[in-house]
Protein backbone atom coordinates (compact mmCIF):
# COMPACT_ATOMS: atom_id res chain seq x y z
CA GLN A 1 -142.40 -73.73 -114.22
CA SER A 2 -140.24 -73.94 -111.10
CA PHE A 3 -137.21 -76.21 -110.93
CA THR A 4 -136.45 -75.32 -107.32
CA GLY A 5 -137.58 -78.70 -106.01
CA SER A 6 -135.34 -80.64 -108.39
CA TYR A 7 -132.41 -78.33 -107.68
CA ARG A 8 -132.78 -78.68 -103.93
CA MET A 9 -133.11 -82.45 -104.21
CA PHE A 10 -129.92 -82.50 -106.27
CA LEU A 11 -128.10 -80.49 -103.57
CA PHE A 12 -129.54 -82.72 -100.84
CA ASP A 13 -128.37 -85.86 -102.65
CA LEU A 14 -124.98 -84.31 -103.44
CA ALA A 15 -124.38 -83.39 -99.80
CA LYS A 16 -124.99 -87.01 -98.80
CA SER A 17 -123.21 -88.72 -101.67
CA LEU A 18 -120.11 -86.54 -102.03
CA PRO A 19 -117.08 -88.70 -101.17
CA ASP A 20 -115.24 -87.72 -98.00
CA SER A 21 -112.11 -87.23 -100.07
CA ASP A 22 -113.88 -84.35 -101.88
CA LEU A 23 -114.89 -82.51 -98.70
CA PRO A 24 -111.72 -80.36 -98.56
CA ARG A 25 -112.20 -79.30 -102.19
CA MET A 26 -115.86 -78.50 -101.56
CA LEU A 27 -115.01 -76.47 -98.44
CA GLN A 28 -112.37 -74.56 -100.39
CA TRP A 29 -114.90 -73.86 -103.15
CA MET A 30 -117.40 -72.62 -100.56
CA ARG A 31 -114.71 -70.37 -99.05
CA THR A 32 -113.50 -68.89 -102.35
CA LYS A 33 -117.03 -68.33 -103.65
CA GLY A 34 -118.21 -66.76 -100.39
CA ILE A 35 -121.01 -69.28 -99.98
CA THR A 36 -123.02 -68.51 -96.86
CA PHE A 37 -124.64 -70.89 -94.43
CA ASP A 38 -128.00 -69.19 -94.77
CA ILE A 39 -130.47 -72.02 -95.34
CA HIS A 40 -132.71 -69.58 -97.22
CA SER A 41 -130.04 -68.87 -99.83
CA SER A 42 -129.96 -70.52 -103.25
CA PHE A 43 -127.80 -73.34 -101.84
CA SER A 44 -130.31 -74.09 -99.08
CA HIS A 45 -128.96 -76.62 -96.55
CA PHE A 46 -126.12 -77.82 -98.79
CA PRO A 47 -123.27 -75.76 -97.22
CA VAL A 48 -124.42 -76.70 -93.71
CA LYS A 49 -124.62 -80.41 -94.57
CA ILE A 50 -121.11 -80.33 -96.06
CA ALA A 51 -119.72 -78.44 -93.07
CA VAL A 52 -121.37 -80.82 -90.59
CA ARG A 53 -119.78 -83.78 -92.36
CA ALA A 54 -116.41 -82.03 -92.28
CA LEU A 55 -116.69 -81.13 -88.59
CA GLN A 56 -117.35 -84.78 -87.82
CA GLN A 57 -114.06 -85.67 -89.51
CA MET A 58 -111.69 -83.13 -88.00
CA HIS A 59 -109.16 -85.92 -87.43
CA GLU A 60 -108.40 -85.92 -91.17
CA PRO A 61 -105.62 -83.36 -91.82
CA LYS A 62 -106.90 -82.17 -95.23
CA ILE A 63 -110.43 -81.75 -93.90
CA ARG A 64 -109.16 -80.04 -90.74
CA ASP A 65 -107.08 -77.60 -92.81
CA ALA A 66 -110.06 -76.84 -95.05
CA VAL A 67 -112.33 -76.19 -92.05
CA VAL A 68 -109.70 -73.90 -90.53
CA GLY A 69 -109.42 -72.03 -93.83
CA LEU A 70 -113.18 -71.68 -94.05
CA ILE A 71 -113.43 -70.32 -90.51
CA ARG A 72 -110.37 -68.09 -90.85
CA ASN A 73 -111.74 -66.45 -94.00
CA SER A 74 -115.40 -66.51 -93.04
CA GLY A 75 -116.07 -62.79 -92.85
CA GLY A 76 -118.79 -63.43 -90.26
CA ARG A 77 -120.42 -66.30 -92.15
CA VAL A 78 -119.35 -68.87 -89.53
CA GLU A 79 -122.08 -67.67 -87.21
CA GLY A 80 -124.66 -68.98 -89.63
CA LEU A 81 -122.84 -72.31 -89.84
CA PHE A 82 -123.00 -73.08 -86.16
CA GLU A 83 -126.54 -71.75 -85.79
CA ALA A 84 -127.82 -73.73 -88.75
CA ALA A 85 -125.76 -76.83 -87.89
CA ALA A 86 -127.02 -77.03 -84.30
CA GLN A 87 -129.86 -79.37 -85.31
CA ASP A 88 -127.66 -81.74 -87.31
CA LEU A 89 -124.39 -81.63 -85.43
CA ASP A 90 -123.66 -84.36 -82.93
CA LEU A 91 -119.89 -84.35 -82.51
CA SER A 92 -118.07 -87.01 -80.57
CA ALA A 93 -115.69 -85.90 -77.84
CA THR A 94 -112.80 -86.79 -80.14
CA ALA A 95 -114.18 -84.65 -82.99
CA ARG A 96 -114.69 -81.72 -80.60
CA GLN A 97 -111.15 -82.11 -79.33
CA HIS A 98 -109.74 -82.17 -82.86
CA PHE A 99 -111.81 -79.08 -83.70
CA TRP A 100 -110.54 -77.06 -80.75
CA LEU A 101 -106.94 -78.23 -81.17
CA ALA A 102 -107.08 -77.06 -84.79
CA MET A 103 -108.62 -73.71 -83.84
CA VAL A 104 -105.99 -73.01 -81.16
CA GLU A 105 -103.11 -74.14 -83.38
CA ALA A 106 -104.36 -71.96 -86.26
CA GLY A 107 -104.71 -68.90 -84.05
CA ILE A 108 -108.44 -68.55 -84.69
CA ASP A 109 -110.09 -66.01 -82.40
CA LEU A 110 -111.77 -68.39 -79.97
CA ARG A 111 -113.51 -65.59 -78.10
CA GLU A 112 -115.32 -64.67 -81.32
CA LEU A 113 -116.35 -68.28 -81.92
CA VAL A 114 -117.58 -68.74 -78.36
CA LEU A 115 -119.35 -65.40 -77.99
CA PHE A 116 -120.86 -65.06 -81.46
CA GLY A 117 -120.42 -68.37 -83.24
CA GLY A 118 -123.10 -70.43 -81.53
CA VAL A 119 -120.65 -73.20 -80.59
CA ARG A 120 -122.49 -73.86 -77.33
CA GLU A 121 -125.82 -74.23 -79.11
CA ALA A 122 -124.23 -76.50 -81.70
CA GLY A 123 -122.71 -78.71 -78.99
CA ILE A 124 -119.11 -78.00 -79.98
CA LEU A 125 -118.35 -76.53 -76.57
CA GLN A 126 -119.22 -79.03 -73.84
CA PRO A 127 -118.63 -78.92 -70.07
CA GLU A 128 -117.51 -82.56 -70.13
CA ASP A 129 -114.44 -81.46 -72.13
CA LEU A 130 -113.01 -79.73 -69.04
CA SER A 131 -110.37 -82.37 -68.31
CA PHE A 132 -109.20 -82.39 -71.95
CA ILE A 133 -108.94 -78.60 -71.91
CA ALA A 134 -107.09 -78.66 -68.59
CA THR A 135 -104.62 -81.15 -70.05
CA GLN A 136 -104.07 -78.91 -73.07
CA TYR A 137 -103.60 -75.89 -70.80
CA ARG A 138 -100.95 -77.68 -68.76
CA ALA A 139 -99.15 -79.02 -71.85
CA ALA A 140 -99.21 -75.83 -73.93
CA ALA A 141 -95.67 -74.76 -74.80
CA ARG A 142 -96.62 -71.43 -76.37
CA ASP A 143 -97.95 -68.56 -74.25
CA ASP A 144 -100.66 -67.66 -76.78
CA HIS A 145 -101.93 -71.25 -76.83
CA ARG A 146 -101.82 -71.43 -73.05
CA ALA A 147 -103.88 -68.22 -72.85
CA CYS A 148 -106.46 -69.70 -75.24
CA TRP A 149 -106.78 -72.88 -73.19
CA LEU A 150 -107.04 -70.82 -69.99
CA ASP A 151 -109.96 -68.82 -71.40
CA PHE A 152 -111.43 -72.04 -72.68
CA LEU A 153 -111.29 -73.66 -69.24
CA PHE A 154 -113.57 -71.01 -67.83
CA TRP A 155 -115.93 -71.02 -70.80
CA VAL A 156 -116.77 -74.65 -70.05
CA PHE A 157 -116.46 -74.42 -66.27
CA ASP A 158 -119.72 -74.79 -64.37
CA PRO A 159 -119.25 -73.67 -60.74
CA THR A 160 -122.34 -75.65 -59.70
CA ASN A 161 -120.71 -78.90 -60.88
CA ALA A 162 -118.79 -80.33 -57.90
CA ALA A 163 -116.52 -82.50 -60.06
CA ALA A 164 -115.57 -79.52 -62.24
CA LEU A 165 -114.95 -77.38 -59.17
CA ASP A 166 -112.75 -80.11 -57.66
CA ALA A 167 -110.79 -80.51 -60.91
CA LEU A 168 -110.07 -76.80 -61.24
CA SER A 169 -109.36 -76.47 -57.53
CA GLU A 170 -106.71 -79.16 -57.84
CA ILE A 171 -105.03 -77.23 -60.68
CA ALA A 172 -105.40 -73.98 -58.74
CA ASN A 173 -103.32 -75.44 -55.90
CA THR A 174 -100.24 -75.24 -58.12
CA ASP A 175 -101.22 -72.54 -60.63
CA PRO A 176 -101.76 -69.00 -59.28
CA LEU A 177 -103.37 -67.83 -62.53
CA ILE A 178 -106.02 -70.54 -62.31
CA ALA A 179 -106.43 -69.81 -58.59
CA ASP A 180 -107.15 -66.12 -59.29
CA LYS A 181 -109.62 -66.85 -62.10
CA LEU A 182 -111.31 -69.58 -60.07
CA ALA A 183 -111.71 -67.22 -57.13
CA ALA A 184 -113.21 -64.59 -59.45
CA HIS A 185 -115.68 -67.13 -60.89
CA THR A 186 -116.75 -68.63 -57.58
CA SER A 187 -116.76 -65.63 -55.24
CA CYS A 188 -119.61 -63.23 -54.77
């Protein structure tokens, strides 16, 4: 006799009923046990559901730290998270901002997340975040953070969007680095 249905129902109910205060502990457990985000694994959708809940609460320091730890020590498993979470993840602009602030501050390889992590498909990287990213770029005190935000600006930049082009053009008037990258992105 198969108990798979009962087990999966238990995991489904646990993912919904787990108190928010236990999310950091659950994320740490997932990280230390090497739990993958493969929905076909023995944990099914459970890790994805927990991670989606955590990503929606990136403003909470303990949850943010646990998400950073999970991503930092993912060993490639993050790709499955963002791919699998794309259907369930609907982050507010504030949650996205907290996510990216945490990633930059923690020194996470953003290029890896953007190129291979499925953050666009999951809606974590949105063109409407351009002004927030530009603000972070201008305010960055550390060179490594400034470089991250600069790359980030052009990952969300859409040269066919007149408002985005105007916003970056305004920054380019006083920032030669932005001017050079903008010229490279908009010239044939």
